Amino acid sequence: MSAKVKEPLPPSMSASRTLEGCWELKTHDKPQTITINGFPDYAYRFIPIILNAELMGEREVVRHLCHNRACVNPDHLVIGSYKQNTQDEAERLYSGRDSKGKGQKV
């Protein structure tokens, strides 16, 4: 299965931590799912677990630095807390990005 490569976001407060474009599987509203040992999960959750060789704790989530749930680019995915993820969301809203992490609402 191949990912659809998207151009990077224009420079802004929201996109300042990402340098390369997103690798999208499916859409923001319906990200790609995979099944491992009979348990379905989002593909973006699998990527940092494998690359970092560590399991996520119960209170940890995968944060998308690009604010795009369809993205599986390892450079855009980090394991963090719910609090950090909420702060990411506040940053996205503050910078004027829409719910998909793209475009400006000016």
PDB file of N, CA and C in Angstrom:
ATOM      1  N   MET A   1       0.848  -1.160   0.000  1.00  0.00           N
ATOM      2  CA  MET A   1       0.000   0.000   0.000  1.00  0.00           C
ATOM      3  C   MET A   1       0.904   1.237   0.000  1.00  0.00           C
ATOM      4  N   SER A   2       0.578   2.209  -0.791  1.00  0.00           N
ATOM      5  CA  SER A   2       1.427   3.399  -0.856  1.00  0.00           C
ATOM      6  C   SER A   2       0.723   4.596  -0.240  1.00  0.00           C
ATOM      7  N   ALA A   3       1.516   5.443   0.362  1.00  0.00           N
ATOM      8  CA  ALA A   3       0.992   6.661   0.980  1.00  0.00           C
ATOM      9  C   ALA A   3       0.986   7.775  -0.051  1.00  0.00           C
ATOM     10  N   LYS A   4       0.043   8.667   0.083  1.00  0.00           N
ATOM     11  CA  LYS A   4      -0.057   9.826  -0.784  1.00  0.00           C
ATOM     12  C   LYS A   4       0.748  10.958  -0.137  1.00  0.00           C
ATOM     13  N   VAL A   5       1.772  11.445  -0.812  1.00  0.00           N
ATOM     14  CA  VAL A   5       2.644  12.475  -0.248  1.00  0.00           C
ATOM     15  C   VAL A   5       2.031  13.845  -0.501  1.00  0.00           C
ATOM     16  N   LYS A   6       1.903  14.623   0.573  1.00  0.00           N
ATOM     17  CA  LYS A   6       1.348  15.972   0.494  1.00  0.00           C
ATOM     18  C   LYS A   6       2.463  16.984   0.656  1.00  0.00           C
ATOM     19  N   GLU A   7       2.292  18.153   0.067  1.00  0.00           N
ATOM     20  CA  GLU A   7       3.255  19.238   0.226  1.00  0.00           C
ATOM     21  C   GLU A   7       3.241  19.718   1.669  1.00  0.00           C
ATOM     22  N   PRO A   8       4.380  20.233   2.177  1.00  0.00           N
ATOM     23  CA  PRO A   8       4.402  20.731   3.550  1.00  0.00           C
ATOM     24  C   PRO A   8       3.478  21.923   3.718  1.00  0.00           C
ATOM     25  N   LEU A   9       3.045  22.131   4.949  1.00  0.00           N
ATOM     26  CA  LEU A   9       2.215  23.288   5.251  1.00  0.00           C
ATOM     27  C   LEU A   9       3.031  24.560   5.078  1.00  0.00           C
ATOM     28  N   PRO A  10       2.379  25.678   4.744  1.00  0.00           N
ATOM     29  CA  PRO A  10       3.128  26.929   4.664  1.00  0.00           C
ATOM     30  C   PRO A  10       3.644  27.307   6.050  1.00  0.00           C
ATOM     31  N   PRO A  11       4.732  28.072   6.117  1.00  0.00           N
ATOM     32  CA  PRO A  11       5.278  28.442   7.425  1.00  0.00           C
ATOM     33  C   PRO A  11       4.237  29.148   8.289  1.00  0.00           C
ATOM     34  N   SER A  12       4.097  28.681   9.497  1.00  0.00           N
ATOM     35  CA  SER A  12       3.189  29.303  10.453  1.00  0.00           C
ATOM     36  C   SER A  12       3.533  28.745  11.813  1.00  0.00           C
ATOM     37  N   MET A  13       2.869  29.240  12.825  1.00  0.00           N
ATOM     38  CA  MET A  13       3.099  28.750  14.160  1.00  0.00           C
ATOM     39  C   MET A  13       2.751  27.266  14.254  1.00  0.00           C
ATOM     40  N   SER A  14       1.707  26.848  13.552  1.00  0.00           N
ATOM     41  CA  SER A  14       1.242  25.468  13.623  1.00  0.00           C
ATOM     42  C   SER A  14       2.183  24.505  12.917  1.00  0.00           C
ATOM     43  N   ALA A  15       2.821  24.956  11.847  1.00  0.00           N
ATOM     44  CA  ALA A  15       3.645  24.063  11.042  1.00  0.00           C
ATOM     45  C   ALA A  15       5.133  24.224  11.320  1.00  0.00           C
ATOM     46  N   SER A  16       5.481  25.008  12.301  1.00  0.00           N
ATOM     47  CA  SER A  16       6.882  25.334  12.511  1.00  0.00           C
ATOM     48  C   SER A  16       7.733  24.137  12.896  1.00  0.00           C
ATOM     49  N   ARG A  17       7.135  23.076  13.429  1.00  0.00           N
ATOM     50  CA  ARG A  17       7.916  21.920  13.866  1.00  0.00           C
ATOM     51  C   ARG A  17       8.043  20.853  12.791  1.00  0.00           C
ATOM     52  N   THR A  18       7.408  21.026  11.654  1.00  0.00           N
ATOM     53  CA  THR A  18       7.484  20.015  10.609  1.00  0.00           C
ATOM     54  C   THR A  18       8.135  20.616   9.375  1.00  0.00           C
ATOM     55  N   LEU A  19       9.112  19.906   8.828  1.00  0.00           N
ATOM     56  CA  LEU A  19       9.837  20.420   7.679  1.00  0.00           C
ATOM     57  C   LEU A  19       9.437  19.751   6.378  1.00  0.00           C
ATOM     58  N   GLU A  20       8.990  18.519   6.429  1.00  0.00           N
ATOM     59  CA  GLU A  20       8.626  17.768   5.235  1.00  0.00           C
ATOM     60  C   GLU A  20       7.117  17.619   5.149  1.00  0.00           C
ATOM     61  N   GLY A  21       6.616  17.199   3.992  1.00  0.00           N
ATOM     62  CA  GLY A  21       5.188  17.013   3.802  1.00  0.00           C
ATOM     63  C   GLY A  21       4.655  15.766   4.472  1.00  0.00           C
ATOM     64  N   CYS A  22       3.334  15.698   4.582  1.00  0.00           N
ATOM     65  CA  CYS A  22       2.664  14.553   5.192  1.00  0.00           C
ATOM     66  C   CYS A  22       2.660  13.365   4.232  1.00  0.00           C
ATOM     67  N   TRP A  23       2.642  12.168   4.802  1.00  0.00           N
ATOM     68  CA  TRP A  23       2.419  10.936   4.045  1.00  0.00           C
ATOM     69  C   TRP A  23       1.036  10.459   4.460  1.00  0.00           C
ATOM     70  N   GLU A  24       0.041  10.664   3.605  1.00  0.00           N
ATOM     71  CA  GLU A  24      -1.342  10.364   3.976  1.00  0.00           C
ATOM     72  C   GLU A  24      -1.782   8.980   3.533  1.00  0.00           C
ATOM     73  N   LEU A  25      -2.429   8.264   4.456  1.00  0.00           N
ATOM     74  CA  LEU A  25      -3.124   7.027   4.152  1.00  0.00           C
ATOM     75  C   LEU A  25      -4.589   7.268   4.480  1.00  0.00           C
ATOM     76  N   LYS A  26      -5.427   7.173   3.471  1.00  0.00           N
ATOM     77  CA  LYS A  26      -6.863   7.462   3.579  1.00  0.00           C
ATOM     78  C   LYS A  26      -7.075   8.950   3.838  1.00  0.00           C
ATOM     79  N   THR A  27      -7.992   9.303   4.760  1.00  0.00           N
ATOM     80  CA  THR A  27      -8.320  10.719   4.977  1.00  0.00           C
ATOM     81  C   THR A  27      -8.185  11.094   6.444  1.00  0.00           C
ATOM     82  N   HIS A  28      -8.233  12.397   6.705  1.00  0.00           N
ATOM     83  CA  HIS A  28      -8.143  12.910   8.075  1.00  0.00           C
ATOM     84  C   HIS A  28      -9.281  12.364   8.932  1.00  0.00           C
ATOM     85  N   ASP A  29     -10.482  12.336   8.369  1.00  0.00           N
ATOM     86  CA  ASP A  29     -11.653  11.880   9.125  1.00  0.00           C
ATOM     87  C   ASP A  29     -11.687  10.363   9.314  1.00  0.00           C
ATOM     88  N   LYS A  30     -11.077   9.626   8.382  1.00  0.00           N
ATOM     89  CA  LYS A  30     -11.060   8.164   8.462  1.00  0.00           C
ATOM     90  C   LYS A  30      -9.646   7.667   8.186  1.00  0.00           C
ATOM     91  N   PRO A  31      -8.736   7.791   9.176  1.00  0.00           N
ATOM     92  CA  PRO A  31      -7.360   7.339   8.968  1.00  0.00           C
ATOM     93  C   PRO A  31      -7.290   5.832   8.727  1.00  0.00           C
ATOM     94  N   GLN A  32      -6.205   5.415   8.100  1.00  0.00           N
ATOM     95  CA  GLN A  32      -5.976   3.999   7.800  1.00  0.00           C
ATOM     96  C   GLN A  32      -5.917   3.178   9.087  1.00  0.00           C
ATOM     97  N   THR A  33      -6.583   2.027   9.090  1.00  0.00           N
ATOM     98  CA  THR A  33      -6.489   1.112  10.225  1.00  0.00           C
ATOM     99  C   THR A  33      -5.742  -0.140   9.787  1.00  0.00           C
ATOM    100  N   ILE A  34      -5.101  -0.784  10.741  1.00  0.00           N
ATOM    101  CA  ILE A  34      -4.405  -2.042  10.507  1.00  0.00           C
ATOM    102  C   ILE A  34      -4.812  -3.001  11.619  1.00  0.00           C
ATOM    103  N   THR A  35      -4.625  -4.291  11.399  1.00  0.00           N
ATOM    104  CA  THR A  35      -4.947  -5.292  12.420  1.00  0.00           C
ATOM    105  C   THR A  35      -3.673  -6.047  12.778  1.00  0.00           C
ATOM    106  N   ILE A  36      -3.361  -6.061  14.069  1.00  0.00           N
ATOM    107  CA  ILE A  36      -2.185  -6.767  14.574  1.00  0.00           C
ATOM    108  C   ILE A  36      -2.658  -7.759  15.624  1.00  0.00           C
ATOM    109  N   ASN A  37      -2.359  -9.033  15.398  1.00  0.00           N
ATOM    110  CA  ASN A  37      -2.799 -10.107  16.306  1.00  0.00           C
ATOM    111  C   ASN A  37      -4.300 -10.041  16.588  1.00  0.00           C
ATOM    112  N   GLY A  38      -5.079  -9.698  15.576  1.00  0.00           N
ATOM    113  CA  GLY A  38      -6.522  -9.673  15.706  1.00  0.00           C
ATOM    114  C   GLY A  38      -7.092  -8.397  16.310  1.00  0.00           C
ATOM    115  N   PHE A  39      -6.230  -7.412  16.642  1.00  0.00           N
ATOM    116  CA  PHE A  39      -6.695  -6.162  17.239  1.00  0.00           C
ATOM    117  C   PHE A  39      -6.533  -5.012  16.249  1.00  0.00           C
ATOM    118  N   PRO A  40      -7.639  -4.378  15.846  1.00  0.00           N
ATOM    119  CA  PRO A  40      -7.531  -3.252  14.923  1.00  0.00           C
ATOM    120  C   PRO A  40      -7.040  -1.995  15.652  1.00  0.00           C
ATOM    121  N   ASP A  41      -6.268  -1.198  14.942  1.00  0.00           N
ATOM    122  CA  ASP A  41      -5.771   0.066  15.491  1.00  0.00           C
ATOM    123  C   ASP A  41      -5.414   0.969  14.320  1.00  0.00           C
ATOM    124  N   TYR A  42      -5.218   2.246  14.600  1.00  0.00           N
ATOM    125  CA  TYR A  42      -4.833   3.187  13.561  1.00  0.00           C
ATOM    126  C   TYR A  42      -3.378   2.955  13.163  1.00  0.00           C
ATOM    127  N   ALA A  43      -3.088   3.071  11.874  1.00  0.00           N
ATOM    128  CA  ALA A  43      -1.728   2.870  11.373  1.00  0.00           C
ATOM    129  C   ALA A  43      -0.766   3.871  12.005  1.00  0.00           C
ATOM    130  N   TYR A  44      -1.216   5.105  12.224  1.00  0.00           N
ATOM    131  CA  TYR A  44      -0.311   6.113  12.784  1.00  0.00           C
ATOM    132  C   TYR A  44       0.132   5.760  14.204  1.00  0.00           C
ATOM    133  N   ARG A  45      -0.601   4.940  14.916  1.00  0.00           N
ATOM    134  CA  ARG A  45      -0.187   4.518  16.261  1.00  0.00           C
ATOM    135  C   ARG A  45       0.914   3.457  16.191  1.00  0.00           C
ATOM    136  N   PHE A  46       0.912   2.667  15.150  1.00  0.00           N
ATOM    137  CA  PHE A  46       1.872   1.584  14.978  1.00  0.00           C
ATOM    138  C   PHE A  46       3.275   2.108  14.655  1.00  0.00           C
ATOM    139  N   ILE A  47       3.358   3.171  13.874  1.00  0.00           N
ATOM    140  CA  ILE A  47       4.644   3.695  13.371  1.00  0.00           C
ATOM    141  C   ILE A  47       5.602   4.070  14.505  1.00  0.00           C
ATOM    142  N   PRO A  48       5.252   4.973  15.431  1.00  0.00           N
ATOM    143  CA  PRO A  48       6.224   5.337  16.468  1.00  0.00           C
ATOM    144  C   PRO A  48       6.530   4.201  17.440  1.00  0.00           C
ATOM    145  N   ILE A  49       5.591   3.300  17.639  1.00  0.00           N
ATOM    146  CA  ILE A  49       5.844   2.157  18.527  1.00  0.00           C
ATOM    147  C   ILE A  49       6.962   1.286  17.939  1.00  0.00           C
ATOM    148  N   ILE A  50       6.890   1.017  16.646  1.00  0.00           N
ATOM    149  CA  ILE A  50       7.900   0.196  15.990  1.00  0.00           C
ATOM    150  C   ILE A  50       9.230   0.942  15.894  1.00  0.00           C
ATOM    151  N   LEU A  51       9.201   2.190  15.454  1.00  0.00           N
ATOM    152  CA  LEU A  51      10.446   2.935  15.261  1.00  0.00           C
ATOM    153  C   LEU A  51      11.170   3.227  16.581  1.00  0.00           C
ATOM    154  N   ASN A  52      10.425   3.447  17.650  1.00  0.00           N
ATOM    155  CA  ASN A  52      11.038   3.741  18.949  1.00  0.00           C
ATOM    156  C   ASN A  52      11.268   2.475  19.772  1.00  0.00           C
ATOM    157  N   ALA A  53      10.761   1.338  19.293  1.00  0.00           N
ATOM    158  CA  ALA A  53      10.890   0.057  19.994  1.00  0.00           C
ATOM    159  C   ALA A  53      10.423   0.160  21.436  1.00  0.00           C
ATOM    160  N   GLU A  54       9.272   0.823  21.637  1.00  0.00           N
ATOM    161  CA  GLU A  54       8.702   0.928  22.975  1.00  0.00           C
ATOM    162  C   GLU A  54       7.181   0.908  22.888  1.00  0.00           C
ATOM    163  N   LEU A  55       6.565   0.357  23.906  1.00  0.00           N
ATOM    164  CA  LEU A  55       5.107   0.322  23.959  1.00  0.00           C
ATOM    165  C   LEU A  55       4.591   1.614  24.575  1.00  0.00           C
ATOM    166  N   MET A  56       3.390   1.978  24.182  1.00  0.00           N
ATOM    167  CA  MET A  56       2.767   3.167  24.745  1.00  0.00           C
ATOM    168  C   MET A  56       2.083   2.802  26.054  1.00  0.00           C
ATOM    169  N   GLY A  57       2.140   3.700  27.017  1.00  0.00           N
ATOM    170  CA  GLY A  57       1.423   3.508  28.264  1.00  0.00           C
ATOM    171  C   GLY A  57      -0.052   3.794  28.075  1.00  0.00           C
ATOM    172  N   GLU A  58      -0.849   3.437  29.066  1.00  0.00           N
ATOM    173  CA  GLU A  58      -2.299   3.643  28.989  1.00  0.00           C
ATOM    174  C   GLU A  58      -2.659   5.113  28.850  1.00  0.00           C
ATOM    175  N   ARG A  59      -1.842   5.975  29.397  1.00  0.00           N
ATOM    176  CA  ARG A  59      -2.139   7.413  29.382  1.00  0.00           C
ATOM    177  C   ARG A  59      -1.408   8.160  28.277  1.00  0.00           C
ATOM    178  N   GLU A  60      -0.828   7.431  27.341  1.00  0.00           N
ATOM    179  CA  GLU A  60      -0.091   8.064  26.259  1.00  0.00           C
ATOM    180  C   GLU A  60      -0.873   7.980  24.951  1.00  0.00           C
ATOM    181  N   VAL A  61      -0.627   8.950  24.093  1.00  0.00           N
ATOM    182  CA  VAL A  61      -1.263   9.024  22.784  1.00  0.00           C
ATOM    183  C   VAL A  61      -0.188   9.341  21.747  1.00  0.00           C
ATOM    184  N   VAL A  62      -0.526   9.161  20.475  1.00  0.00           N
ATOM    185  CA  VAL A  62       0.365   9.581  19.404  1.00  0.00           C
ATOM    186  C   VAL A  62      -0.039  10.991  19.011  1.00  0.00           C
ATOM    187  N   ARG A  63       0.913  11.897  19.095  1.00  0.00           N
ATOM    188  CA  ARG A  63       0.675  13.295  18.723  1.00  0.00           C
ATOM    189  C   ARG A  63       1.103  13.500  17.272  1.00  0.00           C
ATOM    190  N   HIS A  64       0.260  14.174  16.494  1.00  0.00           N
ATOM    191  CA  HIS A  64       0.603  14.551  15.122  1.00  0.00           C
ATOM    192  C   HIS A  64       1.102  15.985  15.151  1.00  0.00           C
ATOM    193  N   LEU A  65       2.390  16.190  14.946  1.00  0.00           N
ATOM    194  CA  LEU A  65       2.925  17.539  14.933  1.00  0.00           C
ATOM    195  C   LEU A  65       2.400  18.336  13.744  1.00  0.00           C
ATOM    196  N   CYS A  66       1.924  17.633  12.715  1.00  0.00           N
ATOM    197  CA  CYS A  66       1.363  18.278  11.528  1.00  0.00           C
ATOM    198  C   CYS A  66      -0.140  18.502  11.654  1.00  0.00           C
ATOM    199  N   HIS A  67      -0.745  17.972  12.716  1.00  0.00           N
ATOM    200  CA  HIS A  67      -2.194  18.085  12.959  1.00  0.00           C
ATOM    201  C   HIS A  67      -3.023  17.408  11.874  1.00  0.00           C
ATOM    202  N   ASN A  68      -2.517  16.337  11.288  1.00  0.00           N
ATOM    203  CA  ASN A  68      -3.199  15.626  10.209  1.00  0.00           C
ATOM    204  C   ASN A  68      -3.278  14.144  10.593  1.00  0.00           C
ATOM    205  N   ARG A  69      -4.457  13.667  10.998  1.00  0.00           N
ATOM    206  CA  ARG A  69      -4.622  12.291  11.482  1.00  0.00           C
ATOM    207  C   ARG A  69      -4.353  11.245  10.414  1.00  0.00           C
ATOM    208  N   ALA A  70      -4.421  11.600   9.140  1.00  0.00           N
ATOM    209  CA  ALA A  70      -4.155  10.649   8.071  1.00  0.00           C
ATOM    210  C   ALA A  70      -2.654  10.473   7.835  1.00  0.00           C
ATOM    211  N   CYS A  71      -1.845  11.322   8.428  1.00  0.00           N
ATOM    212  CA  CYS A  71      -0.400  11.316   8.201  1.00  0.00           C
ATOM    213  C   CYS A  71       0.282  10.173   8.958  1.00  0.00           C
ATOM    214  N   VAL A  72       1.196   9.477   8.256  1.00  0.00           N
ATOM    215  CA  VAL A  72       1.999   8.426   8.871  1.00  0.00           C
ATOM    216  C   VAL A  72       3.494   8.723   8.724  1.00  0.00           C
ATOM    217  N   ASN A  73       3.852   9.951   8.406  1.00  0.00           N
ATOM    218  CA  ASN A  73       5.254  10.350   8.303  1.00  0.00           C
ATOM    219  C   ASN A  73       5.868  10.259   9.702  1.00  0.00           C
ATOM    220  N   PRO A  74       6.885   9.405   9.887  1.00  0.00           N
ATOM    221  CA  PRO A  74       7.472   9.238  11.225  1.00  0.00           C
ATOM    222  C   PRO A  74       7.984  10.527  11.840  1.00  0.00           C
ATOM    223  N   ASP A  75       8.414  11.473  11.012  1.00  0.00           N
ATOM    224  CA  ASP A  75       8.905  12.752  11.530  1.00  0.00           C
ATOM    225  C   ASP A  75       7.783  13.604  12.124  1.00  0.00           C
ATOM    226  N   HIS A  76       6.539  13.289  11.809  1.00  0.00           N
ATOM    227  CA  HIS A  76       5.396  14.057  12.292  1.00  0.00           C
ATOM    228  C   HIS A  76       4.726  13.414  13.505  1.00  0.00           C
ATOM    229  N   LEU A  77       5.173  12.206  13.899  1.00  0.00           N
ATOM    230  CA  LEU A  77       4.509  11.445  14.960  1.00  0.00           C
ATOM    231  C   LEU A  77       5.408  11.310  16.177  1.00  0.00           C
ATOM    232  N   VAL A  78       4.882  11.671  17.333  1.00  0.00           N
ATOM    233  CA  VAL A  78       5.608  11.500  18.587  1.00  0.00           C
ATOM    234  C   VAL A  78       4.648  10.969  19.643  1.00  0.00           C
ATOM    235  N   ILE A  79       5.176  10.183  20.565  1.00  0.00           N
ATOM    236  CA  ILE A  79       4.361   9.688  21.668  1.00  0.00           C
ATOM    237  C   ILE A  79       4.374  10.736  22.765  1.00  0.00           C
ATOM    238  N   GLY A  80       3.209  11.042  23.299  1.00  0.00           N
ATOM    239  CA  GLY A  80       3.102  12.044  24.345  1.00  0.00           C
ATOM    240  C   GLY A  80       1.878  11.822  25.205  1.00  0.00           C
ATOM    241  N   SER A  81       1.605  12.798  26.036  1.00  0.00           N
ATOM    242  CA  SER A  81       0.478  12.707  26.959  1.00  0.00           C
ATOM    243  C   SER A  81      -0.766  13.361  26.364  1.00  0.00           C
ATOM    244  N   TYR A  82      -1.903  13.082  27.001  1.00  0.00           N
ATOM    245  CA  TYR A  82      -3.144  13.749  26.593  1.00  0.00           C
ATOM    246  C   TYR A  82      -3.008  15.258  26.746  1.00  0.00           C
ATOM    247  N   LYS A  83      -2.321  15.703  27.798  1.00  0.00           N
ATOM    248  CA  LYS A  83      -2.136  17.134  28.035  1.00  0.00           C
ATOM    249  C   LYS A  83      -1.354  17.764  26.888  1.00  0.00           C
ATOM    250  N   GLN A  84      -0.282  17.116  26.445  1.00  0.00           N
ATOM    251  CA  GLN A  84       0.490  17.634  25.316  1.00  0.00           C
ATOM    252  C   GLN A  84      -0.357  17.670  24.052  1.00  0.00           C
ATOM    253  N   ASN A  85      -1.168  16.643  23.841  1.00  0.00           N
ATOM    254  CA  ASN A  85      -2.032  16.589  22.670  1.00  0.00           C
ATOM    255  C   ASN A  85      -3.065  17.710  22.703  1.00  0.00           C
ATOM    256  N   THR A  86      -3.578  18.002  23.885  1.00  0.00           N
ATOM    257  CA  THR A  86      -4.530  19.109  24.045  1.00  0.00           C
ATOM    258  C   THR A  86      -3.843  20.440  23.769  1.00  0.00           C
ATOM    259  N   GLN A  87      -2.600  20.582  24.206  1.00  0.00           N
ATOM    260  CA  GLN A  87      -1.846  21.805  23.928  1.00  0.00           C
ATOM    261  C   GLN A  87      -1.600  21.953  22.428  1.00  0.00           C
ATOM    262  N   ASP A  88      -1.326  20.831  21.745  1.00  0.00           N
ATOM    263  CA  ASP A  88      -1.168  20.864  20.287  1.00  0.00           C
ATOM    264  C   ASP A  88      -2.445  21.371  19.619  1.00  0.00           C
ATOM    265  N   GLU A  89      -3.582  20.893  20.096  1.00  0.00           N
ATOM    266  CA  GLU A  89      -4.870  21.312  19.537  1.00  0.00           C
ATOM    267  C   GLU A  89      -5.099  22.803  19.760  1.00  0.00           C
ATOM    268  N   ALA A  90      -4.763  23.303  20.935  1.00  0.00           N
ATOM    269  CA  ALA A  90      -4.912  24.733  21.221  1.00  0.00           C
ATOM    270  C   ALA A  90      -4.000  25.547  20.309  1.00  0.00           C
ATOM    271  N   GLU A  91      -2.789  25.061  20.083  1.00  0.00           N
ATOM    272  CA  GLU A  91      -1.863  25.746  19.176  1.00  0.00           C
ATOM    273  C   GLU A  91      -2.430  25.798  17.766  1.00  0.00           C
ATOM    274  N   ARG A  92      -2.997  24.668  17.313  1.00  0.00           N
ATOM    275  CA  ARG A  92      -3.583  24.615  15.973  1.00  0.00           C
ATOM    276  C   ARG A  92      -4.719  25.617  15.840  1.00  0.00           C
ATOM    277  N   LEU A  93      -5.592  25.646  16.835  1.00  0.00           N
ATOM    278  CA  LEU A  93      -6.722  26.582  16.784  1.00  0.00           C
ATOM    279  C   LEU A  93      -6.245  28.024  16.848  1.00  0.00           C
ATOM    280  N   TYR A  94      -5.251  28.297  17.697  1.00  0.00           N
ATOM    281  CA  TYR A  94      -4.717  29.644  17.848  1.00  0.00           C
ATOM    282  C   TYR A  94      -4.093  30.145  16.552  1.00  0.00           C
ATOM    283  N   SER A  95      -3.477  29.234  15.802  1.00  0.00           N
ATOM    284  CA  SER A  95      -2.816  29.634  14.561  1.00  0.00           C
ATOM    285  C   SER A  95      -3.799  29.793  13.402  1.00  0.00           C
ATOM    286  N   GLY A  96      -5.074  29.438  13.622  1.00  0.00           N
ATOM    287  CA  GLY A  96      -6.085  29.631  12.587  1.00  0.00           C
ATOM    288  C   GLY A  96      -6.248  28.467  11.640  1.00  0.00           C
ATOM    289  N   ARG A  97      -5.740  27.299  12.004  1.00  0.00           N
ATOM    290  CA  ARG A  97      -5.865  26.120  11.140  1.00  0.00           C
ATOM    291  C   ARG A  97      -7.238  25.484  11.326  1.00  0.00           C
ATOM    292  N   ASP A  98      -7.753  24.880  10.258  1.00  0.00           N
ATOM    293  CA  ASP A  98      -9.049  24.207  10.363  1.00  0.00           C
ATOM    294  C   ASP A  98      -8.892  22.860  11.049  1.00  0.00           C
ATOM    295  N   SER A  99      -9.975  22.103  11.139  1.00  0.00           N
ATOM    296  CA  SER A  99      -9.965  20.847  11.896  1.00  0.00           C
ATOM    297  C   SER A  99      -9.061  19.787  11.258  1.00  0.00           C
ATOM    298  N   LYS A 100      -8.663  19.957  10.012  1.00  0.00           N
ATOM    299  CA  LYS A 100      -7.791  19.000   9.361  1.00  0.00           C
ATOM    300  C   LYS A 100      -6.342  19.449   9.405  1.00  0.00           C
ATOM    301  N   GLY A 101      -6.062  20.559  10.121  1.00  0.00           N
ATOM    302  CA  GLY A 101      -4.698  21.032  10.241  1.00  0.00           C
ATOM    303  C   GLY A 101      -4.212  21.746   8.989  1.00  0.00           C
ATOM    304  N   LYS A 102      -5.129  22.133   8.117  1.00  0.00           N
ATOM    305  CA  LYS A 102      -4.734  22.762   6.869  1.00  0.00           C
ATOM    306  C   LYS A 102      -5.515  24.053   6.654  1.00  0.00           C
ATOM    307  N   GLY A 103      -4.927  24.956   5.868  1.00  0.00           N
ATOM    308  CA  GLY A 103      -5.623  26.171   5.480  1.00  0.00           C
ATOM    309  C   GLY A 103      -5.741  27.187   6.591  1.00  0.00           C
ATOM    310  N   GLN A 104      -6.008  28.379   6.248  1.00  0.00           N
ATOM    311  CA  GLN A 104      -6.152  29.440   7.222  1.00  0.00           C
ATOM    312  C   GLN A 104      -7.595  29.927   7.249  1.00  0.00           C
ATOM    313  N   LYS A 105      -8.086  30.208   8.430  1.00  0.00           N
ATOM    314  CA  LYS A 105      -9.415  30.798   8.583  1.00  0.00           C
ATOM    315  C   LYS A 105      -9.191  32.264   8.921  1.00  0.00           C
ATOM    316  N   VAL A 106      -9.051  33.084   7.940  1.00  0.00           N
ATOM    317  CA  VAL A 106      -8.759  34.507   8.182  1.00  0.00           C
ATOM    318  C   VAL A 106     -10.003  35.315   7.976  1.00  0.00           C
TER     319      VAL A 106
END
